[in-house]
Amino acid sequence: MSILVAGGAGYIGSHAVYTLIEKHEKVVVVDSLATGQAEAVHPEAVFYQGDIRDRHFLKQVFANEDIETVMHFAATPISSKSDSVFASFNENITGMETLLAVMKEFGVGRIVFASSASVYGNAKDGPITEETEPRPVHPHGKAKWTMEKMLMEAEKASGLKYVILRSFNAGGALLADAEDSDTHLISNVLRAALGQKPFISLSYDGHTAAEGTCIRDYVHVQDLAEAHVLAVSHLRKGGESRTFNLGYGEGYSAEQVIQAAQYVTGISLINMRYAEGSGSAPDTLIASSSRARKELGWTPKHNSLIAIIRDAWNWHSANPNGYGARRVRQG
């Protein structure tokens, strides 16, 4: 039997696929390649290019493969500045609805969902636990929270078992990095170090430039991949539906990230420009991940900002143009 990884050609998804196969799992990848990279798909994975909103396509995949659990990473990035924010929101919700419907039709009753700390919105207390009430303010967080609630309702209706993993800020790169990087700070900083960006634009939502930028909890993508694999084991053992935070419990400002990147790269001229933000970004997002450590047995192995930036720099140095310039399958 196989694990289906929706979005398995994407940033976190591709790392999860490699981790699964290293543990001798059979893996089926579904990805539209709208943002994912065909080159990032493990060669031993069965790969289907297509959109999970396409019910006919998805049913063919389930009919062809013996699927027992699903990992769901497939999502359309949503920016509050986008003119198509509502279309993107609909794409995410429709994708989840279609996936759940096909899972039910084929009797697949376990799913691990890659959610986000953005569901917490402007959480005032920290570190943030799973008991903190979700109050998303950004469209991305609102979409993720809606998708989480769909899983909760599916459990009530059909007995579906799920694990929701609320990842804080992903960083590092062993196989791929976030191609849609407008808001991906570490990727942007390293592109500036490579001379691909003239400067880094930093928002100071709720701050003055002198006070510094927002504080974020950065997590290595490989540790996130390991947590998703552990979540599969939790469900296989008959574990109850649960929600887990994934973070290290350490917070860093954008200035500290840039300083760490200067140290790792040896390049001191990474220019910064400050701009007033939208006001919607929370001051601080730091995770309490004690539940994941205790119940999933999650033990991060790359939990330092230097390690995250070092691995990301190694990837960017080897792939200065990313995968996009040599993408091979588009239709």
Protein backbone atom coordinates (compact mmCIF):
# COMPACT_ATOMS: atom_id res chain seq x y z
CA MET A 1 0.00 0.00 0.00
CA SER A 2 1.09 3.56 -0.70
CA ILE A 3 1.05 7.01 0.83
CA LEU A 4 -0.27 9.67 -1.50
CA VAL A 5 1.55 12.99 -1.17
CA ALA A 6 -0.45 15.84 -2.68
CA GLY A 7 1.98 18.62 -3.45
CA GLY A 8 4.94 16.24 -3.33
CA ALA A 9 6.92 18.30 -5.84
CA GLY A 10 6.77 21.36 -3.62
CA TYR A 11 9.10 22.74 -1.01
CA ILE A 12 8.14 20.82 2.14
CA GLY A 13 6.34 18.05 0.26
CA SER A 14 9.39 16.98 -1.73
CA HIS A 15 11.44 16.65 1.46
CA ALA A 16 8.65 14.57 3.01
CA VAL A 17 8.64 12.24 -0.02
CA TYR A 18 12.38 11.63 0.27
CA THR A 19 12.03 10.96 3.99
CA LEU A 20 9.21 8.47 3.40
CA ILE A 21 11.16 6.59 0.74
CA GLU A 22 14.25 6.50 2.95
CA LYS A 23 12.01 4.68 5.43
CA HIS A 24 11.05 2.19 2.69
CA GLU A 25 7.52 3.51 2.15
CA LYS A 26 5.79 3.33 -1.22
CA VAL A 27 4.89 6.85 -2.31
CA VAL A 28 2.56 8.31 -4.93
CA VAL A 29 3.05 11.99 -5.72
CA VAL A 30 0.34 14.22 -7.17
CA ASP A 31 1.35 17.74 -8.17
CA SER A 32 0.15 20.20 -10.81
CA LEU A 33 3.66 21.73 -11.07
CA ALA A 34 2.08 25.17 -10.84
CA THR A 35 4.63 25.94 -8.12
CA GLY A 36 6.23 22.53 -7.58
CA GLN A 37 9.31 21.26 -9.41
CA ALA A 38 9.34 17.98 -11.34
CA GLU A 39 13.08 17.68 -10.65
CA ALA A 40 12.41 17.61 -6.90
CA VAL A 41 10.28 14.45 -7.10
CA HIS A 42 12.08 11.35 -5.84
CA PRO A 43 12.81 9.02 -8.80
CA GLU A 44 11.32 6.05 -6.92
CA ALA A 45 8.00 7.78 -6.32
CA VAL A 46 5.09 7.18 -8.68
CA PHE A 47 4.36 10.64 -10.11
CA TYR A 48 1.07 11.97 -11.53
CA GLN A 49 0.94 15.51 -12.86
CA GLY A 50 -2.48 17.01 -12.27
CA ASP A 51 -4.65 19.25 -10.15
CA ILE A 52 -6.35 17.81 -7.06
CA ARG A 53 -9.42 19.92 -7.87
CA ASP A 54 -9.91 17.72 -10.95
CA ARG A 55 -12.12 14.98 -9.51
CA HIS A 56 -11.85 12.74 -12.57
CA PHE A 57 -8.05 12.92 -12.49
CA LEU A 58 -7.88 12.28 -8.75
CA LYS A 59 -10.25 9.31 -8.97
CA GLN A 60 -8.00 7.77 -11.64
CA VAL A 61 -5.02 8.06 -9.30
CA PHE A 62 -6.89 6.38 -6.45
CA ALA A 63 -8.19 3.69 -8.81
CA ASN A 64 -4.69 2.96 -10.13
CA GLU A 65 -2.87 3.01 -6.78
CA ASP A 66 -3.51 1.26 -3.47
CA ILE A 67 -3.64 4.36 -1.24
CA GLU A 68 -3.84 3.95 2.54
CA THR A 69 -2.94 7.42 3.86
CA VAL A 70 -2.74 10.93 2.39
CA MET A 71 -0.33 13.78 3.08
CA HIS A 72 -1.74 17.09 1.90
CA PHE A 73 0.75 19.84 1.00
CA ALA A 74 -0.95 21.03 -2.18
CA ALA A 75 -2.03 24.64 -1.84
CA THR A 76 -2.06 27.84 -3.86
CA PRO A 77 -0.04 30.62 -2.23
CA ILE A 78 -2.26 33.51 -1.19
CA SER A 79 -0.99 37.07 -0.90
CA SER A 80 -3.06 39.84 0.62
CA LYS A 81 -1.72 42.05 -2.19
CA SER A 82 -2.97 39.74 -4.92
CA ASP A 83 -5.83 40.84 -7.15
CA SER A 84 -6.90 37.20 -7.31
CA VAL A 85 -7.03 36.56 -3.56
CA PHE A 86 -10.58 35.19 -3.68
CA ALA A 87 -9.82 32.90 -6.63
CA SER A 88 -6.78 31.55 -4.77
CA PHE A 89 -8.84 31.06 -1.63
CA ASN A 90 -11.39 29.09 -3.62
CA GLU A 91 -8.69 26.93 -5.21
CA ASN A 92 -7.45 25.83 -1.78
CA ILE A 93 -10.91 25.09 -0.41
CA THR A 94 -12.04 23.29 -3.56
CA GLY A 95 -8.87 21.20 -3.52
CA MET A 96 -9.53 20.06 0.02
CA GLU A 97 -13.20 19.33 -0.68
CA THR A 98 -12.37 17.25 -3.75
CA LEU A 99 -9.60 15.35 -2.00
CA LEU A 100 -11.81 14.49 0.98
CA ALA A 101 -14.65 13.38 -1.28
CA VAL A 102 -12.42 11.04 -3.30
CA MET A 103 -10.79 9.69 -0.15
CA LYS A 104 -14.23 8.83 1.21
CA GLU A 105 -15.27 7.19 -2.06
CA PHE A 106 -12.19 4.94 -2.00
CA GLY A 107 -12.31 4.21 1.73
CA VAL A 108 -9.12 6.07 2.68
CA GLY A 109 -9.59 7.30 6.22
CA ARG A 110 -6.29 8.93 7.26
CA ILE A 111 -4.81 12.29 6.31
CA VAL A 112 -1.91 14.47 7.47
CA PHE A 113 -2.47 18.12 6.62
CA ALA A 114 0.29 20.73 6.35
CA SER A 115 -1.27 23.78 7.96
CA SER A 116 0.44 26.95 9.15
CA ALA A 117 1.08 29.11 12.19
CA SER A 118 -0.70 31.84 10.24
CA VAL A 119 -3.99 30.46 11.60
CA TYR A 120 -3.12 32.09 14.94
CA GLY A 121 -3.16 35.60 13.51
CA ASN A 122 -2.09 38.28 15.97
CA ALA A 123 -1.69 35.96 18.92
CA LYS A 124 -0.65 38.00 21.94
CA ASP A 125 0.51 35.26 24.27
CA GLY A 126 3.60 33.21 23.68
CA PRO A 127 4.98 30.72 23.18
CA ILE A 128 1.89 29.71 21.21
CA THR A 129 0.32 26.37 22.16
CA GLU A 130 -2.28 24.33 20.32
CA GLU A 131 -4.82 25.66 22.81
CA THR A 132 -4.33 29.21 21.53
CA GLU A 133 -7.52 30.18 19.71
CA PRO A 134 -7.05 30.54 15.92
CA ARG A 135 -7.88 34.08 14.79
CA PRO A 136 -6.32 34.42 11.33
CA VAL A 137 -6.11 37.88 9.81
CA HIS A 138 -4.18 37.15 6.59
CA PRO A 139 -5.93 35.38 3.66
CA HIS A 140 -3.39 32.54 3.83
CA GLY A 141 -4.21 31.87 7.48
CA LYS A 142 -7.94 32.14 6.82
CA ALA A 143 -7.71 29.54 4.05
CA LYS A 144 -5.69 27.16 6.22
CA TRP A 145 -8.10 27.55 9.14
CA THR A 146 -11.07 26.84 6.87
CA MET A 147 -9.35 23.70 5.58
CA GLU A 148 -8.67 22.57 9.14
CA LYS A 149 -12.35 22.98 10.01
CA MET A 150 -13.26 20.89 6.96
CA LEU A 151 -11.19 18.04 8.39
CA MET A 152 -12.95 18.37 11.73
CA GLU A 153 -16.34 18.17 10.06
CA ALA A 154 -15.24 15.20 7.93
CA GLU A 155 -14.32 13.32 11.10
CA LYS A 156 -17.80 13.95 12.51
CA ALA A 157 -19.47 12.90 9.28
CA SER A 158 -17.43 9.86 8.24
CA GLY A 159 -14.92 9.00 10.95
CA LEU A 160 -11.92 10.38 9.08
CA LYS A 161 -8.79 10.55 11.24
CA TYR A 162 -6.42 13.46 10.73
CA VAL A 163 -3.28 15.11 12.00
CA ILE A 164 -2.97 18.86 11.49
CA LEU A 165 0.60 20.18 11.61
CA ARG A 166 0.87 23.94 12.09
CA SER A 167 4.36 24.73 10.86
CA PHE A 168 6.01 27.97 11.82
CA ASN A 169 8.48 29.60 9.38
CA ALA A 170 10.06 26.92 7.19
CA GLY A 171 13.66 27.40 6.18
CA GLY A 172 16.64 25.49 4.88
CA ALA A 173 16.77 23.54 1.64
CA LEU A 174 18.19 20.16 0.71
CA LEU A 175 16.14 19.38 -2.43
CA ALA A 176 14.27 22.55 -3.35
CA ASP A 177 13.41 25.94 -1.95
CA ALA A 178 10.29 28.04 -2.04
CA GLU A 179 10.01 29.31 -5.60
CA ASP A 180 7.23 31.76 -4.79
CA SER A 181 9.50 33.66 -2.46
CA ASP A 182 7.98 37.12 -2.16
CA THR A 183 7.48 36.55 1.55
CA HIS A 184 10.19 33.93 2.09
CA LEU A 185 12.78 35.95 3.97
CA ILE A 186 15.70 33.51 4.01
CA SER A 187 15.41 32.79 0.27
CA ASN A 188 15.27 36.50 -0.52
CA VAL A 189 18.28 37.26 1.68
CA LEU A 190 20.34 34.56 -0.02
CA ARG A 191 19.29 35.78 -3.47
CA ALA A 192 20.52 39.21 -2.43
CA ALA A 193 23.81 37.62 -1.35
CA LEU A 194 24.08 36.10 -4.84
CA GLY A 195 23.51 39.53 -6.39
CA GLN A 196 20.08 38.58 -7.76
CA LYS A 197 18.30 41.23 -5.68
CA PRO A 198 19.61 44.76 -5.10
CA PHE A 199 18.29 44.93 -1.54
CA ILE A 200 15.98 43.28 0.99
CA SER A 201 12.76 45.13 1.71
CA LEU A 202 11.76 44.74 5.36
CA SER A 203 8.38 45.62 6.81
CA TYR A 204 8.08 47.04 10.28
CA ASP A 205 4.44 46.27 11.04
CA GLY A 206 3.65 47.83 14.38
CA HIS A 207 7.26 48.92 14.85
CA THR A 208 9.56 51.72 13.93
CA ALA A 209 12.61 50.73 11.93
CA ALA A 210 14.76 51.44 14.98
CA GLU A 211 12.75 48.97 17.06
CA GLY A 212 13.28 46.22 14.52
CA THR A 213 11.05 43.85 12.59
CA CYS A 214 8.72 41.08 13.68
CA ILE A 215 10.05 38.03 15.50
CA ARG A 216 9.61 34.62 13.88
CA ASP A 217 10.35 30.98 14.79
CA TYR A 218 12.33 29.41 11.91
CA VAL A 219 12.19 25.62 11.43
CA HIS A 220 14.36 23.49 9.16
CA VAL A 221 12.37 21.94 6.32
CA GLN A 222 13.88 18.50 7.01
CA ASP A 223 12.63 18.57 10.60
CA LEU A 224 9.19 19.47 9.25
CA ALA A 225 9.37 16.51 6.86
CA GLU A 226 10.26 14.18 9.74
CA ALA A 227 7.27 15.42 11.74
CA HIS A 228 4.89 14.67 8.88
CA VAL A 229 6.23 11.11 8.65
CA LEU A 230 5.81 10.68 12.41
CA ALA A 231 2.22 11.88 12.03
CA VAL A 232 1.55 9.02 9.60
CA SER A 233 2.86 6.57 12.20
CA HIS A 234 0.60 8.15 14.82
CA LEU A 235 -2.47 7.53 12.67
CA ARG A 236 -1.41 4.02 11.69
CA LYS A 237 -1.18 3.11 15.37
CA GLY A 238 -4.78 4.14 15.85
CA GLY A 239 -3.99 7.56 17.29
CA GLU A 240 -6.78 10.08 17.65
CA SER A 241 -7.09 13.14 15.45
CA ARG A 242 -4.72 15.78 16.78
CA THR A 243 -3.25 19.20 16.04
CA PHE A 244 0.45 19.91 16.60
CA ASN A 245 2.64 23.00 16.43
CA LEU A 246 6.04 22.65 14.78
CA GLY A 247 8.64 25.17 15.87
CA TYR A 248 11.80 25.40 17.92
CA GLY A 249 10.62 27.90 20.53
CA GLU A 250 13.27 30.46 19.48
CA GLY A 251 12.48 33.76 17.80
CA TYR A 252 14.58 35.88 15.46
CA SER A 253 14.06 39.27 13.85
CA ALA A 254 14.67 39.87 10.16
CA GLU A 255 17.81 41.78 11.10
CA GLN A 256 19.13 38.75 12.98
CA VAL A 257 18.41 36.52 9.97
CA ILE A 258 20.41 38.86 7.74
CA GLN A 259 23.28 38.94 10.22
CA ALA A 260 23.31 35.12 10.31
CA ALA A 261 23.26 35.02 6.49
CA GLN A 262 26.22 37.40 6.36
CA TYR A 263 28.11 35.10 8.70
CA VAL A 264 27.28 31.94 6.72
CA THR A 265 27.95 33.38 3.27
CA GLY A 266 30.88 35.60 4.18
CA ILE A 267 29.15 38.38 2.21
CA SER A 268 28.72 41.48 4.32
CA LEU A 269 27.00 43.74 1.77
CA ILE A 270 23.35 42.64 2.01
CA ASN A 271 21.42 45.89 1.77
CA MET A 272 18.21 46.47 3.70
CA ARG A 273 15.41 48.95 3.11
CA TYR A 274 12.58 49.48 5.55
CA ALA A 275 8.98 50.04 4.52
CA GLU A 276 5.80 50.34 6.50
CA GLY A 277 3.80 47.12 6.36
CA SER A 278 0.10 46.48 6.17
CA GLY A 279 -0.26 46.33 9.94
CA SER A 280 -1.64 42.79 9.83
CA ALA A 281 1.56 40.93 10.71
CA PRO A 282 1.80 39.81 14.35
CA ASP A 283 4.75 41.13 16.34
CA THR A 284 5.91 37.71 17.51
CA LEU A 285 5.16 34.12 16.50
CA ILE A 286 7.03 31.58 18.60
CA ALA A 287 5.86 27.99 18.98
CA SER A 288 5.47 25.70 21.89
CA SER A 289 6.00 22.25 20.36
CA SER A 290 5.97 20.21 23.55
CA ARG A 291 2.92 18.26 22.38
CA ALA A 292 4.64 17.16 19.15
CA ARG A 293 7.77 16.19 21.06
CA LYS A 294 5.83 14.19 23.63
CA GLU A 295 3.11 12.55 21.52
CA LEU A 296 4.83 12.18 18.14
CA GLY A 297 8.32 11.72 19.47
CA TRP A 298 9.49 14.63 17.31
CA THR A 299 13.15 15.39 17.98
CA PRO A 300 14.45 18.18 15.71
CA LYS A 301 17.98 17.61 14.43
CA HIS A 302 18.64 20.92 12.68
CA ASN A 303 17.38 23.37 15.28
CA SER A 304 19.67 26.32 14.80
CA LEU A 305 19.31 29.37 12.59
CA ILE A 306 22.88 28.90 11.32
CA ALA A 307 22.13 25.30 10.23
CA ILE A 308 18.97 26.43 8.44
CA ILE A 309 20.73 29.22 6.55
CA ARG A 310 23.81 27.09 5.83
CA ASP A 311 21.75 24.38 4.11
CA ALA A 312 19.69 26.94 2.24
CA TRP A 313 22.90 28.70 1.09
CA ASN A 314 24.38 25.43 -0.13
CA TRP A 315 21.26 24.81 -2.22
CA HIS A 316 21.08 28.35 -3.62
CA SER A 317 24.79 28.35 -4.43
CA ALA A 318 24.39 25.11 -6.40
CA ASN A 319 21.11 26.23 -8.01
CA PRO A 320 21.41 30.00 -8.49
CA ASN A 321 18.54 30.03 -10.97
CA GLY A 322 16.45 27.53 -9.07
CA TYR A 323 14.68 24.67 -10.79
CA GLY A 324 12.46 26.98 -12.83
CA ALA A 325 15.00 27.51 -15.62
CA ARG A 326 15.17 23.77 -16.33
CA ARG A 327 11.65 22.55 -15.59
CA VAL A 328 10.92 19.59 -17.84
CA ARG A 329 7.23 18.70 -17.61
CA GLN A 330 4.47 21.24 -18.10
CA GLY A 331 1.47 19.48 -19.54
